[in-house]
Amino acid sequence: MRGAYLEALCMVTKLKFPEARHIVGIATESGLNEIRSEDAIYLDASRWDDKLESEARRLQKEANILIAPQETYAHVEEYPSEKKKEEPGRNDRCPCGSGKKFKRCCLNRKRVYW
């Protein structure tokens, strides 16, 4: 079923982006399970014709695919560039650069410099 839905998504994508000639779809389960399966599909939209377009319109209407899409952006650091530093000890110099001991500077503030 996921494969058929993925194919429908790719066909409707061609409706939204008529200039697209090569469309790739990838689907997997959500969540953080260690064992997951994936589906991938390639749609050669360079051979698009009226019959495929009418089928895509039917699928779009029946499944409510990309009726009113909204773009969203997200970024997740898969490999963080820096390892988080540990909180300084009470008598260490404050990481804010004041030159004071941490306990007399930022310890009780809600600031985080590490």
PDB file of N, CA and C in Angstrom:
ATOM      1  N   MET A   1       0.824  -1.187   0.000  1.00  0.00           N
ATOM      2  CA  MET A   1       0.000   0.000   0.000  1.00  0.00           C
ATOM      3  C   MET A   1       0.877   1.263   0.000  1.00  0.00           C
ATOM      4  N   ARG A   2       1.975   1.223   0.794  1.00  0.00           N
ATOM      5  CA  ARG A   2       2.863   2.386   0.845  1.00  0.00           C
ATOM      6  C   ARG A   2       3.463   2.659  -0.528  1.00  0.00           C
ATOM      7  N   GLY A   3       3.792   1.615  -1.268  1.00  0.00           N
ATOM      8  CA  GLY A   3       4.356   1.786  -2.604  1.00  0.00           C
ATOM      9  C   GLY A   3       3.379   2.443  -3.566  1.00  0.00           C
ATOM     10  N   ALA A   4       2.113   2.023  -3.500  1.00  0.00           N
ATOM     11  CA  ALA A   4       1.090   2.606  -4.376  1.00  0.00           C
ATOM     12  C   ALA A   4       0.854   4.078  -4.027  1.00  0.00           C
ATOM     13  N   TYR A   5       0.851   4.378  -2.725  1.00  0.00           N
ATOM     14  CA  TYR A   5       0.656   5.769  -2.312  1.00  0.00           C
ATOM     15  C   TYR A   5       1.850   6.621  -2.734  1.00  0.00           C
ATOM     16  N   LEU A   6       3.040   6.051  -2.627  1.00  0.00           N
ATOM     17  CA  LEU A   6       4.247   6.778  -3.049  1.00  0.00           C
ATOM     18  C   LEU A   6       4.203   7.068  -4.550  1.00  0.00           C
ATOM     19  N   GLU A   7       3.732   6.114  -5.321  1.00  0.00           N
ATOM     20  CA  GLU A   7       3.592   6.337  -6.763  1.00  0.00           C
ATOM     21  C   GLU A   7       2.594   7.461  -7.037  1.00  0.00           C
ATOM     22  N   ALA A   8       1.480   7.469  -6.300  1.00  0.00           N
ATOM     23  CA  ALA A   8       0.488   8.535  -6.462  1.00  0.00           C
ATOM     24  C   ALA A   8       1.084   9.889  -6.102  1.00  0.00           C
ATOM     25  N   LEU A   9       1.862   9.932  -5.026  1.00  0.00           N
ATOM     26  CA  LEU A   9       2.513  11.192  -4.637  1.00  0.00           C
ATOM     27  C   LEU A   9       3.438  11.709  -5.737  1.00  0.00           C
ATOM     28  N   CYS A  10       4.183  10.819  -6.357  1.00  0.00           N
ATOM     29  CA  CYS A  10       5.091  11.232  -7.431  1.00  0.00           C
ATOM     30  C   CYS A  10       4.315  11.745  -8.642  1.00  0.00           C
ATOM     31  N   MET A  11       3.209  11.097  -8.955  1.00  0.00           N
ATOM     32  CA  MET A  11       2.397  11.541 -10.096  1.00  0.00           C
ATOM     33  C   MET A  11       1.791  12.923  -9.842  1.00  0.00           C
ATOM     34  N   VAL A  12       1.302  13.152  -8.621  1.00  0.00           N
ATOM     35  CA  VAL A  12       0.722  14.454  -8.291  1.00  0.00           C
ATOM     36  C   VAL A  12       1.819  15.520  -8.236  1.00  0.00           C
ATOM     37  N   THR A  13       3.019  15.117  -7.846  1.00  0.00           N
ATOM     38  CA  THR A  13       4.151  16.056  -7.855  1.00  0.00           C
ATOM     39  C   THR A  13       4.378  16.582  -9.270  1.00  0.00           C
ATOM     40  N   LYS A  14       4.209  15.727 -10.261  1.00  0.00           N
ATOM     41  CA  LYS A  14       4.347  16.155 -11.659  1.00  0.00           C
ATOM     42  C   LYS A  14       3.305  17.224 -12.005  1.00  0.00           C
ATOM     43  N   LEU A  15       2.094  17.110 -11.440  1.00  0.00           N
ATOM     44  CA  LEU A  15       1.084  18.143 -11.673  1.00  0.00           C
ATOM     45  C   LEU A  15       1.522  19.477 -11.085  1.00  0.00           C
ATOM     46  N   LYS A  16       2.113  19.430  -9.892  1.00  0.00           N
ATOM     47  CA  LYS A  16       2.522  20.662  -9.208  1.00  0.00           C
ATOM     48  C   LYS A  16       3.772  21.275  -9.831  1.00  0.00           C
ATOM     49  N   PHE A  17       4.619  20.428 -10.399  1.00  0.00           N
ATOM     50  CA  PHE A  17       5.872  20.885 -11.004  1.00  0.00           C
ATOM     51  C   PHE A  17       5.958  20.329 -12.425  1.00  0.00           C
ATOM     52  N   PRO A  18       5.214  20.922 -13.364  1.00  0.00           N
ATOM     53  CA  PRO A  18       5.124  20.368 -14.721  1.00  0.00           C
ATOM     54  C   PRO A  18       6.459  20.305 -15.459  1.00  0.00           C
ATOM     55  N   GLU A  19       7.431  21.106 -15.034  1.00  0.00           N
ATOM     56  CA  GLU A  19       8.731  21.095 -15.706  1.00  0.00           C
ATOM     57  C   GLU A  19       9.607  19.920 -15.271  1.00  0.00           C
ATOM     58  N   ALA A  20       9.213  19.217 -14.210  1.00  0.00           N
ATOM     59  CA  ALA A  20      10.001  18.082 -13.705  1.00  0.00           C
ATOM     60  C   ALA A  20       9.990  16.943 -14.717  1.00  0.00           C
ATOM     61  N   ARG A  21      11.146  16.389 -14.953  1.00  0.00           N
ATOM     62  CA  ARG A  21      11.273  15.266 -15.898  1.00  0.00           C
ATOM     63  C   ARG A  21      11.630  13.961 -15.192  1.00  0.00           C
ATOM     64  N   HIS A  22      12.260  14.066 -14.036  1.00  0.00           N
ATOM     65  CA  HIS A  22      12.686  12.896 -13.280  1.00  0.00           C
ATOM     66  C   HIS A  22      12.273  13.112 -11.826  1.00  0.00           C
ATOM     67  N   ILE A  23      11.414  12.237 -11.310  1.00  0.00           N
ATOM     68  CA  ILE A  23      10.900  12.389  -9.951  1.00  0.00           C
ATOM     69  C   ILE A  23      11.242  11.129  -9.164  1.00  0.00           C
ATOM     70  N   VAL A  24      11.852  11.332  -8.002  1.00  0.00           N
ATOM     71  CA  VAL A  24      12.229  10.225  -7.129  1.00  0.00           C
ATOM     72  C   VAL A  24      11.459  10.370  -5.827  1.00  0.00           C
ATOM     73  N   GLY A  25      10.845   9.289  -5.381  1.00  0.00           N
ATOM     74  CA  GLY A  25      10.126   9.277  -4.112  1.00  0.00           C
ATOM     75  C   GLY A  25      10.741   8.249  -3.186  1.00  0.00           C
ATOM     76  N   ILE A  26      10.842   8.591  -1.905  1.00  0.00           N
ATOM     77  CA  ILE A  26      11.385   7.686  -0.888  1.00  0.00           C
ATOM     78  C   ILE A  26      10.430   7.708   0.300  1.00  0.00           C
ATOM     79  N   ALA A  27      10.092   6.528   0.818  1.00  0.00           N
ATOM     80  CA  ALA A  27       9.188   6.429   1.966  1.00  0.00           C
ATOM     81  C   ALA A  27       9.757   5.440   2.968  1.00  0.00           C
ATOM     82  N   THR A  28       9.528   5.718   4.243  1.00  0.00           N
ATOM     83  CA  THR A  28       9.931   4.822   5.319  1.00  0.00           C
ATOM     84  C   THR A  28       9.006   5.032   6.499  1.00  0.00           C
ATOM     85  N   GLU A  29       9.118   4.185   7.495  1.00  0.00           N
ATOM     86  CA  GLU A  29       8.316   4.365   8.696  1.00  0.00           C
ATOM     87  C   GLU A  29       8.846   5.545   9.492  1.00  0.00           C
ATOM     88  N   SER A  30       7.965   6.187  10.224  1.00  0.00           N
ATOM     89  CA  SER A  30       8.408   7.260  11.100  1.00  0.00           C
ATOM     90  C   SER A  30       8.896   6.646  12.404  1.00  0.00           C
ATOM     91  N   GLY A  31       9.560   7.444  13.212  1.00  0.00           N
ATOM     92  CA  GLY A  31      10.031   6.968  14.504  1.00  0.00           C
ATOM     93  C   GLY A  31      11.492   6.583  14.466  1.00  0.00           C
ATOM     94  N   LEU A  32      11.954   6.071  15.579  1.00  0.00           N
ATOM     95  CA  LEU A  32      13.363   5.769  15.720  1.00  0.00           C
ATOM     96  C   LEU A  32      13.635   4.270  15.828  1.00  0.00           C
ATOM     97  N   ASN A  33      12.757   3.458  15.281  1.00  0.00           N
ATOM     98  CA  ASN A  33      12.972   2.013  15.335  1.00  0.00           C
ATOM     99  C   ASN A  33      14.249   1.646  14.601  1.00  0.00           C
ATOM    100  N   GLU A  34      14.952   0.657  15.122  1.00  0.00           N
ATOM    101  CA  GLU A  34      16.188   0.236  14.473  1.00  0.00           C
ATOM    102  C   GLU A  34      15.908  -0.516  13.177  1.00  0.00           C
ATOM    103  N   ILE A  35      14.815  -1.262  13.133  1.00  0.00           N
ATOM    104  CA  ILE A  35      14.489  -2.036  11.940  1.00  0.00           C
ATOM    105  C   ILE A  35      13.343  -1.336  11.208  1.00  0.00           C
ATOM    106  N   ARG A  36      13.663  -0.818  10.033  1.00  0.00           N
ATOM    107  CA  ARG A  36      12.652  -0.142   9.232  1.00  0.00           C
ATOM    108  C   ARG A  36      12.819  -0.589   7.787  1.00  0.00           C
ATOM    109  N   SER A  37      11.752  -0.493   7.041  1.00  0.00           N
ATOM    110  CA  SER A  37      11.834  -0.785   5.613  1.00  0.00           C
ATOM    111  C   SER A  37      11.665   0.520   4.850  1.00  0.00           C
ATOM    112  N   GLU A  38      12.157   0.514   3.645  1.00  0.00           N
ATOM    113  CA  GLU A  38      12.058   1.693   2.801  1.00  0.00           C
ATOM    114  C   GLU A  38      11.495   1.293   1.446  1.00  0.00           C
ATOM    115  N   ASP A  39      10.807   2.229   0.826  1.00  0.00           N
ATOM    116  CA  ASP A  39      10.362   2.081  -0.551  1.00  0.00           C
ATOM    117  C   ASP A  39      10.939   3.252  -1.331  1.00  0.00           C
ATOM    118  N   ALA A  40      11.334   2.979  -2.547  1.00  0.00           N
ATOM    119  CA  ALA A  40      11.822   4.041  -3.425  1.00  0.00           C
ATOM    120  C   ALA A  40      11.185   3.836  -4.793  1.00  0.00           C
ATOM    121  N   ILE A  41      10.923   4.943  -5.459  1.00  0.00           N
ATOM    122  CA  ILE A  41      10.297   4.863  -6.780  1.00  0.00           C
ATOM    123  C   ILE A  41      10.892   5.958  -7.663  1.00  0.00           C
ATOM    124  N   TYR A  42      11.021   5.638  -8.927  1.00  0.00           N
ATOM    125  CA  TYR A  42      11.467   6.612  -9.917  1.00  0.00           C
ATOM    126  C   TYR A  42      10.355   6.761 -10.937  1.00  0.00           C
ATOM    127  N   LEU A  43       9.952   8.000 -11.181  1.00  0.00           N
ATOM    128  CA  LEU A  43       8.929   8.286 -12.187  1.00  0.00           C
ATOM    129  C   LEU A  43       9.602   9.015 -13.344  1.00  0.00           C
ATOM    130  N   ASP A  44       9.611   8.384 -14.500  1.00  0.00           N
ATOM    131  CA  ASP A  44      10.162   9.014 -15.703  1.00  0.00           C
ATOM    132  C   ASP A  44       9.073   9.909 -16.281  1.00  0.00           C
ATOM    133  N   ALA A  45       9.077  11.155 -15.846  1.00  0.00           N
ATOM    134  CA  ALA A  45       8.035  12.096 -16.255  1.00  0.00           C
ATOM    135  C   ALA A  45       8.307  12.709 -17.623  1.00  0.00           C
ATOM    136  N   SER A  46       9.393  12.320 -18.262  1.00  0.00           N
ATOM    137  CA  SER A  46       9.648  12.819 -19.617  1.00  0.00           C
ATOM    138  C   SER A  46       8.694  12.177 -20.623  1.00  0.00           C
ATOM    139  N   ARG A  47       8.038  11.086 -20.232  1.00  0.00           N
ATOM    140  CA  ARG A  47       7.063  10.408 -21.097  1.00  0.00           C
ATOM    141  C   ARG A  47       5.633  10.668 -20.629  1.00  0.00           C
ATOM    142  N   TRP A  48       5.419  11.811 -20.052  1.00  0.00           N
ATOM    143  CA  TRP A  48       4.111  12.202 -19.505  1.00  0.00           C
ATOM    144  C   TRP A  48       3.138  12.445 -20.638  1.00  0.00           C
ATOM    145  N   ASP A  49       1.922  11.935 -20.502  1.00  0.00           N
ATOM    146  CA  ASP A  49       0.910  12.156 -21.531  1.00  0.00           C
ATOM    147  C   ASP A  49      -0.429  12.502 -20.874  1.00  0.00           C
ATOM    148  N   ASP A  50      -1.442  12.743 -21.676  1.00  0.00           N
ATOM    149  CA  ASP A  50      -2.758  13.135 -21.164  1.00  0.00           C
ATOM    150  C   ASP A  50      -3.386  12.062 -20.281  1.00  0.00           C
ATOM    151  N   LYS A  51      -3.165  10.800 -20.621  1.00  0.00           N
ATOM    152  CA  LYS A  51      -3.722   9.697 -19.831  1.00  0.00           C
ATOM    153  C   LYS A  51      -3.121   9.701 -18.414  1.00  0.00           C
ATOM    154  N   LEU A  52      -1.803   9.870 -18.303  1.00  0.00           N
ATOM    155  CA  LEU A  52      -1.150   9.926 -16.991  1.00  0.00           C
ATOM    156  C   LEU A  52      -1.590  11.161 -16.209  1.00  0.00           C
ATOM    157  N   GLU A  53      -1.760  12.268 -16.926  1.00  0.00           N
ATOM    158  CA  GLU A  53      -2.192  13.494 -16.246  1.00  0.00           C
ATOM    159  C   GLU A  53      -3.595  13.340 -15.667  1.00  0.00           C
ATOM    160  N   SER A  54      -4.510  12.736 -16.409  1.00  0.00           N
ATOM    161  CA  SER A  54      -5.870  12.560 -15.880  1.00  0.00           C
ATOM    162  C   SER A  54      -5.864  11.579 -14.701  1.00  0.00           C
ATOM    163  N   GLU A  55      -5.029  10.546 -14.762  1.00  0.00           N
ATOM    164  CA  GLU A  55      -4.905   9.611 -13.635  1.00  0.00           C
ATOM    165  C   GLU A  55      -4.346  10.334 -12.403  1.00  0.00           C
ATOM    166  N   ALA A  56      -3.361  11.204 -12.610  1.00  0.00           N
ATOM    167  CA  ALA A  56      -2.789  11.964 -11.497  1.00  0.00           C
ATOM    168  C   ALA A  56      -3.830  12.893 -10.883  1.00  0.00           C
ATOM    169  N   ARG A  57      -4.631  13.516 -11.699  1.00  0.00           N
ATOM    170  CA  ARG A  57      -5.684  14.402 -11.168  1.00  0.00           C
ATOM    171  C   ARG A  57      -6.727  13.615 -10.364  1.00  0.00           C
ATOM    172  N   ARG A  58      -7.059  12.413 -10.837  1.00  0.00           N
ATOM    173  CA  ARG A  58      -8.000  11.559 -10.110  1.00  0.00           C
ATOM    174  C   ARG A  58      -7.412  11.163  -8.745  1.00  0.00           C
ATOM    175  N   LEU A  59      -6.147  10.750  -8.735  1.00  0.00           N
ATOM    176  CA  LEU A  59      -5.485  10.359  -7.487  1.00  0.00           C
ATOM    177  C   LEU A  59      -5.389  11.539  -6.518  1.00  0.00           C
ATOM    178  N   GLN A  60      -5.087  12.706  -7.058  1.00  0.00           N
ATOM    179  CA  GLN A  60      -4.982  13.902  -6.213  1.00  0.00           C
ATOM    180  C   GLN A  60      -6.312  14.196  -5.530  1.00  0.00           C
ATOM    181  N   LYS A  61      -7.385  14.108  -6.290  1.00  0.00           N
ATOM    182  CA  LYS A  61      -8.713  14.407  -5.750  1.00  0.00           C
ATOM    183  C   LYS A  61      -9.153  13.351  -4.737  1.00  0.00           C
ATOM    184  N   GLU A  62      -8.970  12.078  -5.064  1.00  0.00           N
ATOM    185  CA  GLU A  62      -9.408  10.992  -4.179  1.00  0.00           C
ATOM    186  C   GLU A  62      -8.626  10.935  -2.870  1.00  0.00           C
ATOM    187  N   ALA A  63      -7.325  11.189  -2.937  1.00  0.00           N
ATOM    188  CA  ALA A  63      -6.481  11.040  -1.751  1.00  0.00           C
ATOM    189  C   ALA A  63      -6.090  12.376  -1.112  1.00  0.00           C
ATOM    190  N   ASN A  64      -6.622  13.487  -1.638  1.00  0.00           N
ATOM    191  CA  ASN A  64      -6.280  14.824  -1.107  1.00  0.00           C
ATOM    192  C   ASN A  64      -4.774  15.056  -1.067  1.00  0.00           C
ATOM    193  N   ILE A  65      -4.102  14.748  -2.143  1.00  0.00           N
ATOM    194  CA  ILE A  65      -2.642  14.872  -2.193  1.00  0.00           C
ATOM    195  C   ILE A  65      -2.252  16.247  -2.704  1.00  0.00           C
ATOM    196  N   LEU A  66      -1.455  16.941  -1.955  1.00  0.00           N
ATOM    197  CA  LEU A  66      -0.897  18.253  -2.332  1.00  0.00           C
ATOM    198  C   LEU A  66      -1.973  19.251  -2.764  1.00  0.00           C
ATOM    199  N   ILE A  67      -3.071  19.270  -2.042  1.00  0.00           N
ATOM    200  CA  ILE A  67      -4.151  20.208  -2.357  1.00  0.00           C
ATOM    201  C   ILE A  67      -3.745  21.631  -1.975  1.00  0.00           C
ATOM    202  N   ALA A  68      -3.256  21.812  -0.764  1.00  0.00           N
ATOM    203  CA  ALA A  68      -2.795  23.134  -0.305  1.00  0.00           C
ATOM    204  C   ALA A  68      -1.481  22.954   0.450  1.00  0.00           C
ATOM    205  N   PRO A  69      -0.408  22.630  -0.278  1.00  0.00           N
ATOM    206  CA  PRO A  69       0.869  22.360   0.411  1.00  0.00           C
ATOM    207  C   PRO A  69       1.452  23.618   1.039  1.00  0.00           C
ATOM    208  N   GLN A  70       2.141  23.429   2.153  1.00  0.00           N
ATOM    209  CA  GLN A  70       2.838  24.516   2.831  1.00  0.00           C
ATOM    210  C   GLN A  70       4.292  24.109   3.000  1.00  0.00           C
ATOM    211  N   GLU A  71       5.205  24.968   2.574  1.00  0.00           N
ATOM    212  CA  GLU A  71       6.630  24.663   2.719  1.00  0.00           C
ATOM    213  C   GLU A  71       7.054  24.868   4.156  1.00  0.00           C
ATOM    214  N   THR A  72       7.834  23.942   4.652  1.00  0.00           N
ATOM    215  CA  THR A  72       8.439  24.085   5.967  1.00  0.00           C
ATOM    216  C   THR A  72       9.900  23.675   5.854  1.00  0.00           C
ATOM    217  N   TYR A  73      10.715  24.234   6.708  1.00  0.00           N
ATOM    218  CA  TYR A  73      12.137  23.932   6.701  1.00  0.00           C
ATOM    219  C   TYR A  73      12.558  23.474   8.076  1.00  0.00           C
ATOM    220  N   ALA A  74      13.411  22.496   8.120  1.00  0.00           N
ATOM    221  CA  ALA A  74      13.945  21.996   9.384  1.00  0.00           C
ATOM    222  C   ALA A  74      15.403  21.615   9.160  1.00  0.00           C
ATOM    223  N   HIS A  75      16.185  21.729  10.197  1.00  0.00           N
ATOM    224  CA  HIS A  75      17.588  21.348  10.112  1.00  0.00           C
ATOM    225  C   HIS A  75      17.960  20.602  11.385  1.00  0.00           C
ATOM    226  N   VAL A  76      18.538  19.449  11.227  1.00  0.00           N
ATOM    227  CA  VAL A  76      18.969  18.650  12.364  1.00  0.00           C
ATOM    228  C   VAL A  76      20.432  18.309  12.157  1.00  0.00           C
ATOM    229  N   GLU A  77      21.233  18.559  13.170  1.00  0.00           N
ATOM    230  CA  GLU A  77      22.648  18.216  13.100  1.00  0.00           C
ATOM    231  C   GLU A  77      22.806  16.725  13.340  1.00  0.00           C
ATOM    232  N   GLU A  78      23.123  15.987  12.302  1.00  0.00           N
ATOM    233  CA  GLU A  78      23.325  14.558  12.469  1.00  0.00           C
ATOM    234  C   GLU A  78      24.660  14.290  13.153  1.00  0.00           C
ATOM    235  N   TYR A  79      25.651  15.065  12.781  1.00  0.00           N
ATOM    236  CA  TYR A  79      26.984  14.947  13.372  1.00  0.00           C
ATOM    237  C   TYR A  79      27.374  16.319  13.909  1.00  0.00           C
ATOM    238  N   PRO A  80      27.058  16.623  15.162  1.00  0.00           N
ATOM    239  CA  PRO A  80      27.380  17.947  15.709  1.00  0.00           C
ATOM    240  C   PRO A  80      28.862  18.264  15.556  1.00  0.00           C
ATOM    241  N   SER A  81      29.148  19.517  15.240  1.00  0.00           N
ATOM    242  CA  SER A  81      30.529  19.919  14.988  1.00  0.00           C
ATOM    243  C   SER A  81      31.350  19.999  16.269  1.00  0.00           C
ATOM    244  N   GLU A  82      30.733  20.336  17.361  1.00  0.00           N
ATOM    245  CA  GLU A  82      31.455  20.425  18.625  1.00  0.00           C
ATOM    246  C   GLU A  82      30.767  19.590  19.682  1.00  0.00           C
ATOM    247  N   LYS A  83      31.578  18.968  20.497  1.00  0.00           N
ATOM    248  CA  LYS A  83      31.026  18.224  21.616  1.00  0.00           C
ATOM    249  C   LYS A  83      30.681  19.233  22.698  1.00  0.00           C
ATOM    250  N   LYS A  84      29.522  19.043  23.345  1.00  0.00           N
ATOM    251  CA  LYS A  84      29.140  19.956  24.410  1.00  0.00           C
ATOM    252  C   LYS A  84      30.161  19.910  25.527  1.00  0.00           C
ATOM    253  N   LYS A  85      30.548  21.071  26.012  1.00  0.00           N
ATOM    254  CA  LYS A  85      31.472  21.146  27.127  1.00  0.00           C
ATOM    255  C   LYS A  85      30.695  20.950  28.414  1.00  0.00           C
ATOM    256  N   GLU A  86      31.355  20.401  29.393  1.00  0.00           N
ATOM    257  CA  GLU A  86      30.706  20.224  30.683  1.00  0.00           C
ATOM    258  C   GLU A  86      30.628  21.558  31.406  1.00  0.00           C
ATOM    259  N   GLU A  87      29.678  21.644  32.305  1.00  0.00           N
ATOM    260  CA  GLU A  87      29.520  22.858  33.108  1.00  0.00           C
ATOM    261  C   GLU A  87      30.789  23.080  33.920  1.00  0.00           C
ATOM    262  N   PRO A  88      31.274  24.320  33.984  1.00  0.00           N
ATOM    263  CA  PRO A  88      32.481  24.588  34.767  1.00  0.00           C
ATOM    264  C   PRO A  88      32.222  24.359  36.256  1.00  0.00           C
ATOM    265  N   GLY A  89      33.274  24.056  36.982  1.00  0.00           N
ATOM    266  CA  GLY A  89      33.156  23.914  38.429  1.00  0.00           C
ATOM    267  C   GLY A  89      32.938  25.283  39.067  1.00  0.00           C
ATOM    268  N   ARG A  90      32.469  25.281  40.320  1.00  0.00           N
ATOM    269  CA  ARG A  90      32.168  26.534  41.009  1.00  0.00           C
ATOM    270  C   ARG A  90      33.364  27.475  41.075  1.00  0.00           C
ATOM    271  N   ASN A  91      34.548  26.919  41.273  1.00  0.00           N
ATOM    272  CA  ASN A  91      35.739  27.754  41.442  1.00  0.00           C
ATOM    273  C   ASN A  91      36.518  27.965  40.148  1.00  0.00           C
ATOM    274  N   ASP A  92      36.012  27.437  39.027  1.00  0.00           N
ATOM    275  CA  ASP A  92      36.658  27.680  37.730  1.00  0.00           C
ATOM    276  C   ASP A  92      36.336  29.089  37.258  1.00  0.00           C
ATOM    277  N   ARG A  93      37.160  29.598  36.365  1.00  0.00           N
ATOM    278  CA  ARG A  93      36.875  30.901  35.757  1.00  0.00           C
ATOM    279  C   ARG A  93      35.605  30.784  34.920  1.00  0.00           C
ATOM    280  N   CYS A  94      34.796  31.819  34.956  1.00  0.00           N
ATOM    281  CA  CYS A  94      33.525  31.808  34.238  1.00  0.00           C
ATOM    282  C   CYS A  94      33.773  31.809  32.729  1.00  0.00           C
ATOM    283  N   PRO A  95      33.069  30.964  31.985  1.00  0.00           N
ATOM    284  CA  PRO A  95      33.255  30.907  30.536  1.00  0.00           C
ATOM    285  C   PRO A  95      32.748  32.149  29.802  1.00  0.00           C
ATOM    286  N   CYS A  96      32.068  33.061  30.497  1.00  0.00           N
ATOM    287  CA  CYS A  96      31.575  34.264  29.813  1.00  0.00           C
ATOM    288  C   CYS A  96      32.707  35.245  29.528  1.00  0.00           C
ATOM    289  N   GLY A  97      33.858  35.014  30.168  1.00  0.00           N
ATOM    290  CA  GLY A  97      35.005  35.875  29.890  1.00  0.00           C
ATOM    291  C   GLY A  97      35.181  37.027  30.861  1.00  0.00           C
ATOM    292  N   SER A  98      34.406  37.064  31.934  1.00  0.00           N
ATOM    293  CA  SER A  98      34.492  38.172  32.885  1.00  0.00           C
ATOM    294  C   SER A  98      35.768  38.127  33.727  1.00  0.00           C
ATOM    295  N   GLY A  99      36.368  36.957  33.843  1.00  0.00           N
ATOM    296  CA  GLY A  99      37.548  36.799  34.689  1.00  0.00           C
ATOM    297  C   GLY A  99      37.188  36.417  36.112  1.00  0.00           C
ATOM    298  N   LYS A 100      35.918  36.464  36.474  1.00  0.00           N
ATOM    299  CA  LYS A 100      35.475  36.101  37.816  1.00  0.00           C
ATOM    300  C   LYS A 100      35.329  34.587  37.919  1.00  0.00           C
ATOM    301  N   LYS A 101      35.256  34.112  39.162  1.00  0.00           N
ATOM    302  CA  LYS A 101      34.957  32.704  39.362  1.00  0.00           C
ATOM    303  C   LYS A 101      33.506  32.469  38.944  1.00  0.00           C
ATOM    304  N   PHE A 102      33.251  31.269  38.467  1.00  0.00           N
ATOM    305  CA  PHE A 102      31.924  30.911  37.984  1.00  0.00           C
ATOM    306  C   PHE A 102      30.856  31.115  39.059  1.00  0.00           C
ATOM    307  N   LYS A 103      31.192  30.762  40.322  1.00  0.00           N
ATOM    308  CA  LYS A 103      30.197  30.882  41.396  1.00  0.00           C
ATOM    309  C   LYS A 103      29.824  32.330  41.678  1.00  0.00           C
ATOM    310  N   ARG A 104      30.702  33.274  41.364  1.00  0.00           N
ATOM    311  CA  ARG A 104      30.436  34.693  41.614  1.00  0.00           C
ATOM    312  C   ARG A 104      29.913  35.416  40.366  1.00  0.00           C
ATOM    313  N   CYS A 105      29.770  34.668  39.279  1.00  0.00           N
ATOM    314  CA  CYS A 105      29.372  35.320  38.024  1.00  0.00           C
ATOM    315  C   CYS A 105      28.077  34.708  37.471  1.00  0.00           C
ATOM    316  N   CYS A 106      28.180  33.697  36.686  1.00  0.00           N
ATOM    317  CA  CYS A 106      27.013  33.180  35.944  1.00  0.00           C
ATOM    318  C   CYS A 106      26.387  31.926  36.533  1.00  0.00           C
ATOM    319  N   LEU A 107      26.881  31.402  37.639  1.00  0.00           N
ATOM    320  CA  LEU A 107      26.341  30.157  38.191  1.00  0.00           C
ATOM    321  C   LEU A 107      24.852  30.254  38.463  1.00  0.00           C
ATOM    322  N   ASN A 108      24.389  31.330  39.063  1.00  0.00           N
ATOM    323  CA  ASN A 108      22.980  31.447  39.435  1.00  0.00           C
ATOM    324  C   ASN A 108      22.134  32.143  38.375  1.00  0.00           C
ATOM    325  N   ARG A 109      22.754  32.593  37.320  1.00  0.00           N
ATOM    326  CA  ARG A 109      21.999  33.183  36.216  1.00  0.00           C
ATOM    327  C   ARG A 109      21.516  32.064  35.317  1.00  0.00           C
ATOM    328  N   LYS A 110      20.581  32.339  34.514  1.00  0.00           N
ATOM    329  CA  LYS A 110      20.047  31.322  33.609  1.00  0.00           C
ATOM    330  C   LYS A 110      20.773  31.348  32.269  1.00  0.00           C
ATOM    331  N   ARG A 111      22.020  31.740  32.259  1.00  0.00           N
ATOM    332  CA  ARG A 111      22.806  31.784  31.032  1.00  0.00           C
ATOM    333  C   ARG A 111      23.548  30.479  30.853  1.00  0.00           C
ATOM    334  N   VAL A 112      23.790  30.134  29.607  1.00  0.00           N
ATOM    335  CA  VAL A 112      24.577  28.941  29.323  1.00  0.00           C
ATOM    336  C   VAL A 112      25.654  29.330  28.319  1.00  0.00           C
ATOM    337  N   TYR A 113      26.915  29.183  28.702  1.00  0.00           N
ATOM    338  CA  TYR A 113      28.017  29.546  27.829  1.00  0.00           C
ATOM    339  C   TYR A 113      28.800  28.328  27.357  1.00  0.00           C
ATOM    340  N   TRP A 114      28.376  27.124  27.722  1.00  0.00           N
ATOM    341  CA  TRP A 114      29.149  25.955  27.350  1.00  0.00           C
ATOM    342  C   TRP A 114      28.334  24.995  26.548  1.00  0.00           C
TER     343      TRP A 114
END
